[in-house]
Structure formats: structure tokens, C-alpha cells
Amino acid sequence: MSFNVRECAQCGHRVYPARLWCPACGHDRDVQAPVEEAELLAWTQVPAKAAGGGSIIATVNALPRGPLLVVRLPDMPQAVGQRLRLLARMERGTEQGTEQGTEQGVALPWAQALPGNGGAGGKA
């Protein structure tokens, strides 16, 4: 399952999360645009608060033309520039005691390494 961003129906500018108006041209209509790959720009490992492991959070550029996304990674990446496959993972969560999304949850951006692609740099 690819991840969906929003694309302005007027100028094609892509954003995530959705906006009421396009930040590039001000148009108020957008369409869903699936993105499947991204390039790793930076990452950090967030330590676990309790037993169960921490999280790896990364900033990526959705390819071929954006936007920038903050995603979770299941495994430590190899290098900046590494190509990643974007996917939507349904999760349930609460924010200040209020359920977000539907009964099935909300789609959050995750990424995983594409096979055989190590990127062009070192750890960020």
C-alpha cells in the first residue's frame, strides 16, 4: 500500500498533511496523490520510555516531487540518500483524550528500505 499526499488541482504542488488552501497558489481544491518512494534526508533514534524498544524517526523527500515527510522506520537505515518505500500503516491513537481518525484508525507514514540501495553518505 503506497502513502497518499494531497496535490493541488490548480498548480500540482504537493503537501502533507492536507491544507485548506494550496500554500503555493492559494487554490482550494486538491486531489489524492499516491507516492511510493522517498529519499532519506536524516534520521534519529528515539529511546524507549519502557520495555519494548524505541522508535526510528526520519525525514524523507517523497519522490519524484515531494513533499517532505516525517516517517517512522522499522529498522535502522544505512545512509543518507538511501531510497525507501513509503507505505501507510493504520494506527489507533488518542490525543488529549479524543480519538483521532475513524474506528479503523488513521493512516500514518512509514518507510522501509528498498533492497540493494545503501545511499550515498553516512549516518545523519
N, C-alpha and C. Protein backbone atom coordinates (compact mmCIF):
# COMPACT_ATOMS: atom_id res chain seq x y z
N MET A 1 0.85 -1.17 0.00
CA MET A 1 0.00 0.00 0.00
C MET A 1 0.90 1.24 0.00
N SER A 2 0.74 2.10 -0.98
CA SER A 2 1.52 3.34 -1.03
C SER A 2 0.93 4.34 -0.03
N PHE A 3 1.61 5.47 0.11
CA PHE A 3 1.14 6.52 1.01
C PHE A 3 0.57 7.64 0.15
N ASN A 4 -0.50 8.26 0.62
CA ASN A 4 -1.16 9.32 -0.15
C ASN A 4 -0.88 10.70 0.44
N VAL A 5 -0.54 11.63 -0.44
CA VAL A 5 -0.40 13.04 -0.07
C VAL A 5 -1.47 13.80 -0.84
N ARG A 6 -1.55 15.09 -0.65
CA ARG A 6 -2.53 15.91 -1.35
C ARG A 6 -1.81 16.73 -2.41
N GLU A 7 -2.43 16.84 -3.60
CA GLU A 7 -1.85 17.59 -4.71
C GLU A 7 -2.85 18.65 -5.16
N CYS A 8 -2.39 19.89 -5.27
CA CYS A 8 -3.24 21.00 -5.69
C CYS A 8 -3.78 20.73 -7.10
N ALA A 9 -5.09 20.90 -7.26
CA ALA A 9 -5.72 20.68 -8.56
C ALA A 9 -5.36 21.78 -9.56
N GLN A 10 -4.88 22.92 -9.07
CA GLN A 10 -4.53 24.04 -9.95
C GLN A 10 -3.07 23.99 -10.39
N CYS A 11 -2.15 23.91 -9.43
CA CYS A 11 -0.72 24.04 -9.77
C CYS A 11 0.10 22.77 -9.58
N GLY A 12 -0.47 21.73 -8.95
CA GLY A 12 0.24 20.47 -8.77
C GLY A 12 1.16 20.41 -7.56
N HIS A 13 1.19 21.48 -6.73
CA HIS A 13 2.03 21.48 -5.52
C HIS A 13 1.53 20.40 -4.57
N ARG A 14 2.45 19.62 -3.98
CA ARG A 14 2.08 18.53 -3.09
C ARG A 14 2.36 18.89 -1.64
N VAL A 15 1.42 18.48 -0.75
CA VAL A 15 1.55 18.74 0.67
C VAL A 15 1.09 17.53 1.48
N TYR A 16 1.58 17.45 2.70
CA TYR A 16 1.08 16.51 3.70
C TYR A 16 1.41 17.11 5.05
N PRO A 17 0.44 17.19 5.95
CA PRO A 17 -0.95 16.79 5.80
C PRO A 17 -1.73 17.77 4.93
N ALA A 18 -3.00 17.42 4.69
CA ALA A 18 -3.85 18.25 3.83
C ALA A 18 -3.97 19.67 4.38
N ARG A 19 -4.13 20.63 3.50
CA ARG A 19 -4.32 22.04 3.86
C ARG A 19 -5.66 22.51 3.28
N LEU A 20 -6.20 23.58 3.84
CA LEU A 20 -7.44 24.15 3.30
C LEU A 20 -7.18 24.84 1.96
N TRP A 21 -6.00 25.46 1.83
CA TRP A 21 -5.62 26.14 0.61
C TRP A 21 -4.21 25.73 0.24
N CYS A 22 -3.91 25.74 -1.04
CA CYS A 22 -2.57 25.42 -1.51
C CYS A 22 -1.60 26.51 -1.04
N PRO A 23 -0.48 26.13 -0.37
CA PRO A 23 0.47 27.15 0.06
C PRO A 23 1.22 27.81 -1.10
N ALA A 24 1.18 27.20 -2.29
CA ALA A 24 1.89 27.76 -3.44
C ALA A 24 1.03 28.75 -4.22
N CYS A 25 -0.27 28.42 -4.42
CA CYS A 25 -1.09 29.29 -5.28
C CYS A 25 -2.39 29.74 -4.65
N GLY A 26 -2.77 29.20 -3.50
CA GLY A 26 -3.99 29.62 -2.82
C GLY A 26 -5.25 28.91 -3.28
N HIS A 27 -5.15 28.01 -4.25
CA HIS A 27 -6.32 27.28 -4.74
C HIS A 27 -6.90 26.42 -3.63
N ASP A 28 -8.23 26.20 -3.64
CA ASP A 28 -8.86 25.48 -2.53
C ASP A 28 -9.29 24.05 -2.87
N ARG A 29 -8.88 23.51 -4.00
CA ARG A 29 -9.21 22.13 -4.34
C ARG A 29 -7.94 21.32 -4.53
N ASP A 30 -7.98 20.08 -3.99
CA ASP A 30 -6.84 19.20 -4.16
C ASP A 30 -7.33 17.79 -4.47
N VAL A 31 -6.39 16.95 -4.87
CA VAL A 31 -6.68 15.55 -5.18
C VAL A 31 -5.69 14.68 -4.43
N GLN A 32 -6.08 13.45 -4.23
CA GLN A 32 -5.19 12.49 -3.59
C GLN A 32 -4.11 12.07 -4.58
N ALA A 33 -2.86 12.01 -4.12
CA ALA A 33 -1.74 11.62 -4.98
C ALA A 33 -0.91 10.54 -4.28
N PRO A 34 -0.91 9.31 -4.80
CA PRO A 34 -0.10 8.27 -4.17
C PRO A 34 1.39 8.49 -4.42
N VAL A 35 2.20 8.28 -3.40
CA VAL A 35 3.66 8.31 -3.53
C VAL A 35 4.19 6.99 -3.00
N GLU A 36 5.14 6.41 -3.72
CA GLU A 36 5.62 5.09 -3.35
C GLU A 36 7.05 5.07 -2.85
N GLU A 37 7.87 6.05 -3.27
CA GLU A 37 9.27 6.05 -2.88
C GLU A 37 9.68 7.40 -2.32
N ALA A 38 10.77 7.36 -1.54
CA ALA A 38 11.32 8.58 -0.95
C ALA A 38 12.82 8.44 -0.81
N GLU A 39 13.48 9.59 -0.63
CA GLU A 39 14.92 9.62 -0.39
C GLU A 39 15.15 10.05 1.05
N LEU A 40 15.96 9.29 1.79
CA LEU A 40 16.26 9.58 3.18
C LEU A 40 17.13 10.83 3.29
N LEU A 41 16.69 11.79 4.09
CA LEU A 41 17.45 13.03 4.31
C LEU A 41 18.17 13.02 5.64
N ALA A 42 17.53 12.53 6.70
CA ALA A 42 18.11 12.49 8.04
C ALA A 42 17.28 11.56 8.90
N TRP A 43 17.87 11.08 10.01
CA TRP A 43 17.11 10.26 10.94
C TRP A 43 17.67 10.39 12.35
N THR A 44 16.84 9.96 13.30
CA THR A 44 17.26 9.91 14.70
C THR A 44 16.59 8.72 15.35
N GLN A 45 17.20 8.20 16.39
CA GLN A 45 16.61 7.10 17.14
C GLN A 45 16.12 7.65 18.46
N VAL A 46 14.84 7.44 18.75
CA VAL A 46 14.22 7.92 19.98
C VAL A 46 14.25 6.76 20.97
N PRO A 47 14.88 6.96 22.15
CA PRO A 47 14.95 5.87 23.12
C PRO A 47 13.58 5.47 23.64
N ALA A 48 13.48 4.22 24.05
CA ALA A 48 12.23 3.70 24.60
C ALA A 48 11.96 4.28 25.98
N LYS A 49 10.70 4.57 26.26
CA LYS A 49 10.32 5.02 27.60
C LYS A 49 10.19 3.82 28.53
N ALA A 50 9.84 2.68 27.96
CA ALA A 50 9.66 1.45 28.73
C ALA A 50 10.15 0.29 27.88
N ALA A 51 10.08 -0.90 28.43
CA ALA A 51 10.49 -2.09 27.67
C ALA A 51 9.66 -2.16 26.39
N GLY A 52 10.28 -2.51 25.30
CA GLY A 52 9.56 -2.60 24.04
C GLY A 52 10.28 -1.91 22.92
N GLY A 53 11.40 -1.27 23.20
CA GLY A 53 12.20 -0.66 22.14
C GLY A 53 11.79 0.76 21.83
N GLY A 54 12.70 1.47 21.19
CA GLY A 54 12.48 2.84 20.80
C GLY A 54 11.95 2.93 19.38
N SER A 55 11.93 4.14 18.86
CA SER A 55 11.46 4.39 17.51
C SER A 55 12.57 5.03 16.69
N ILE A 56 12.53 4.80 15.40
CA ILE A 56 13.43 5.47 14.47
C ILE A 56 12.57 6.41 13.64
N ILE A 57 12.87 7.71 13.75
CA ILE A 57 12.12 8.74 13.06
C ILE A 57 13.02 9.33 11.98
N ALA A 58 12.48 9.52 10.78
CA ALA A 58 13.29 10.03 9.67
C ALA A 58 12.56 11.12 8.93
N THR A 59 13.34 12.00 8.30
CA THR A 59 12.81 12.99 7.37
C THR A 59 13.17 12.50 5.97
N VAL A 60 12.17 12.48 5.09
CA VAL A 60 12.38 11.99 3.74
C VAL A 60 11.75 12.95 2.74
N ASN A 61 12.25 12.91 1.52
CA ASN A 61 11.66 13.66 0.42
C ASN A 61 10.93 12.65 -0.46
N ALA A 62 9.60 12.78 -0.55
CA ALA A 62 8.82 11.88 -1.39
C ALA A 62 9.22 12.10 -2.84
N LEU A 63 9.42 11.02 -3.57
CA LEU A 63 9.85 11.12 -4.96
C LEU A 63 8.68 10.86 -5.89
N PRO A 64 8.60 11.47 -7.03
CA PRO A 64 9.64 12.26 -7.66
C PRO A 64 9.61 13.74 -7.30
N ARG A 65 8.54 14.27 -6.65
CA ARG A 65 8.49 15.73 -6.46
C ARG A 65 7.86 16.17 -5.16
N GLY A 66 8.23 15.49 -4.09
CA GLY A 66 7.82 15.94 -2.77
C GLY A 66 6.43 15.50 -2.38
N PRO A 67 6.06 15.86 -1.18
CA PRO A 67 6.64 16.81 -0.23
C PRO A 67 7.62 16.14 0.72
N LEU A 68 8.18 16.95 1.65
CA LEU A 68 8.97 16.39 2.74
C LEU A 68 8.02 15.74 3.73
N LEU A 69 8.42 14.59 4.25
CA LEU A 69 7.60 13.86 5.21
C LEU A 69 8.45 13.46 6.41
N VAL A 70 7.82 13.35 7.55
CA VAL A 70 8.43 12.74 8.72
C VAL A 70 7.79 11.35 8.83
N VAL A 71 8.62 10.31 8.80
CA VAL A 71 8.12 8.94 8.79
C VAL A 71 8.77 8.13 9.91
N ARG A 72 8.21 6.99 10.18
CA ARG A 72 8.82 6.02 11.09
C ARG A 72 9.45 4.92 10.26
N LEU A 73 10.54 4.38 10.77
CA LEU A 73 11.25 3.28 10.11
C LEU A 73 11.27 2.07 11.03
N PRO A 74 11.04 0.85 10.51
CA PRO A 74 11.10 -0.33 11.37
C PRO A 74 12.53 -0.73 11.72
N ASP A 75 13.50 -0.36 10.88
CA ASP A 75 14.90 -0.74 11.09
C ASP A 75 15.80 0.46 10.87
N MET A 76 17.00 0.40 11.43
CA MET A 76 17.97 1.48 11.27
C MET A 76 18.37 1.60 9.79
N PRO A 77 18.32 2.81 9.22
CA PRO A 77 18.73 2.98 7.82
C PRO A 77 20.24 2.86 7.67
N GLN A 78 20.70 2.73 6.42
CA GLN A 78 22.12 2.58 6.14
C GLN A 78 22.82 3.92 5.95
N ALA A 79 22.21 4.83 5.19
CA ALA A 79 22.90 6.06 4.84
C ALA A 79 21.94 7.12 4.32
N VAL A 80 22.34 8.37 4.47
CA VAL A 80 21.61 9.48 3.86
C VAL A 80 21.60 9.23 2.35
N GLY A 81 20.50 9.51 1.70
CA GLY A 81 20.38 9.28 0.27
C GLY A 81 19.77 7.93 -0.06
N GLN A 82 19.62 7.07 0.93
CA GLN A 82 19.04 5.75 0.72
C GLN A 82 17.61 5.89 0.20
N ARG A 83 17.24 5.04 -0.75
CA ARG A 83 15.87 5.04 -1.27
C ARG A 83 15.01 4.16 -0.37
N LEU A 84 13.81 4.66 -0.09
CA LEU A 84 12.88 3.97 0.79
C LEU A 84 11.54 3.80 0.11
N ARG A 85 10.84 2.74 0.46
CA ARG A 85 9.47 2.55 0.00
C ARG A 85 8.54 3.13 1.05
N LEU A 86 7.63 4.03 0.64
CA LEU A 86 6.65 4.63 1.55
C LEU A 86 5.43 3.74 1.64
N LEU A 87 4.85 3.69 2.82
CA LEU A 87 3.62 2.94 3.00
C LEU A 87 2.80 3.57 4.11
N ALA A 88 1.52 3.29 4.08
CA ALA A 88 0.61 3.80 5.11
C ALA A 88 0.34 2.67 6.08
N ARG A 89 0.49 2.96 7.35
CA ARG A 89 0.20 1.97 8.38
C ARG A 89 -0.93 2.52 9.23
N MET A 90 -1.99 1.75 9.34
CA MET A 90 -3.15 2.18 10.12
C MET A 90 -2.86 2.00 11.60
N GLU A 91 -3.08 3.07 12.36
CA GLU A 91 -2.86 3.03 13.80
C GLU A 91 -3.98 3.77 14.50
N ARG A 92 -4.31 3.28 15.66
CA ARG A 92 -5.29 3.98 16.50
C ARG A 92 -4.52 4.77 17.53
N GLY A 93 -5.02 5.93 17.86
CA GLY A 93 -4.36 6.74 18.87
C GLY A 93 -5.31 7.75 19.45
N THR A 94 -4.89 8.32 20.54
CA THR A 94 -5.70 9.38 21.15
C THR A 94 -4.83 10.59 21.36
N GLU A 95 -5.43 11.73 21.29
CA GLU A 95 -4.73 12.98 21.54
C GLU A 95 -5.56 13.76 22.53
N GLN A 96 -5.03 14.01 23.70
CA GLN A 96 -5.73 14.72 24.77
C GLN A 96 -7.08 14.09 25.06
N GLY A 97 -7.11 12.74 25.04
CA GLY A 97 -8.33 12.02 25.38
C GLY A 97 -9.36 11.94 24.28
N THR A 98 -9.08 12.48 23.09
CA THR A 98 -10.03 12.45 21.99
C THR A 98 -9.54 11.51 20.92
N GLU A 99 -10.41 10.59 20.46
CA GLU A 99 -9.99 9.67 19.41
C GLU A 99 -9.77 10.42 18.11
N GLN A 100 -8.71 10.06 17.39
CA GLN A 100 -8.39 10.66 16.10
C GLN A 100 -8.68 9.65 15.01
N GLY A 101 -9.19 10.10 13.88
CA GLY A 101 -9.44 9.20 12.76
C GLY A 101 -10.76 8.48 12.90
N THR A 102 -10.85 7.30 12.28
CA THR A 102 -12.07 6.51 12.31
C THR A 102 -11.90 5.35 13.27
N GLU A 103 -12.90 4.48 13.33
CA GLU A 103 -12.80 3.30 14.18
C GLU A 103 -11.62 2.43 13.75
N GLN A 104 -11.29 2.44 12.45
CA GLN A 104 -10.18 1.64 11.96
C GLN A 104 -8.84 2.31 12.25
N GLY A 105 -8.81 3.58 12.54
CA GLY A 105 -7.58 4.28 12.84
C GLY A 105 -7.26 5.33 11.79
N VAL A 106 -6.02 5.82 11.84
CA VAL A 106 -5.55 6.81 10.88
C VAL A 106 -4.34 6.24 10.16
N ALA A 107 -4.15 6.64 8.91
CA ALA A 107 -3.00 6.19 8.13
C ALA A 107 -1.81 7.09 8.44
N LEU A 108 -0.75 6.51 8.98
CA LEU A 108 0.46 7.27 9.29
C LEU A 108 1.57 6.84 8.34
N PRO A 109 2.47 7.78 7.99
CA PRO A 109 3.54 7.43 7.05
C PRO A 109 4.66 6.61 7.69
N TRP A 110 4.98 5.49 7.08
CA TRP A 110 6.10 4.63 7.44
C TRP A 110 6.94 4.44 6.18
N ALA A 111 8.16 3.99 6.35
CA ALA A 111 9.03 3.71 5.20
C ALA A 111 9.90 2.51 5.53
N GLN A 112 10.30 1.80 4.50
CA GLN A 112 11.24 0.70 4.67
C GLN A 112 12.23 0.73 3.52
N ALA A 113 13.41 0.22 3.78
CA ALA A 113 14.48 0.26 2.79
C ALA A 113 14.12 -0.55 1.56
N LEU A 114 14.48 -0.01 0.40
CA LEU A 114 14.37 -0.78 -0.83
C LEU A 114 15.58 -1.71 -0.90
N PRO A 115 15.43 -2.93 -1.38
CA PRO A 115 16.55 -3.85 -1.43
C PRO A 115 17.69 -3.34 -2.29
N GLY A 116 18.91 -3.52 -1.79
CA GLY A 116 20.11 -3.19 -2.57
C GLY A 116 20.39 -1.73 -2.77
N ASN A 117 19.84 -0.87 -1.92
CA ASN A 117 20.08 0.56 -2.08
C ASN A 117 20.60 1.14 -0.78
N GLY A 118 21.89 1.39 -0.72
CA GLY A 118 22.51 1.87 0.51
C GLY A 118 22.65 3.36 0.61
N GLY A 119 22.39 4.12 -0.41
CA GLY A 119 22.52 5.57 -0.33
C GLY A 119 23.95 6.03 -0.58
N ALA A 120 24.21 7.31 -0.28
CA ALA A 120 25.49 7.90 -0.67
C ALA A 120 26.22 8.60 0.46
N GLY A 121 25.87 8.31 1.69
CA GLY A 121 26.54 9.04 2.76
C GLY A 121 26.65 8.22 4.01
N GLY A 122 26.82 8.89 5.14
CA GLY A 122 26.91 8.22 6.42
C GLY A 122 25.73 8.55 7.28
N LYS A 123 25.77 8.11 8.52
CA LYS A 123 24.67 8.35 9.45
C LYS A 123 24.47 9.84 9.67
N ALA A 124 23.20 10.25 9.69
CA ALA A 124 22.87 11.66 9.91
C ALA A 124 22.91 11.99 11.38
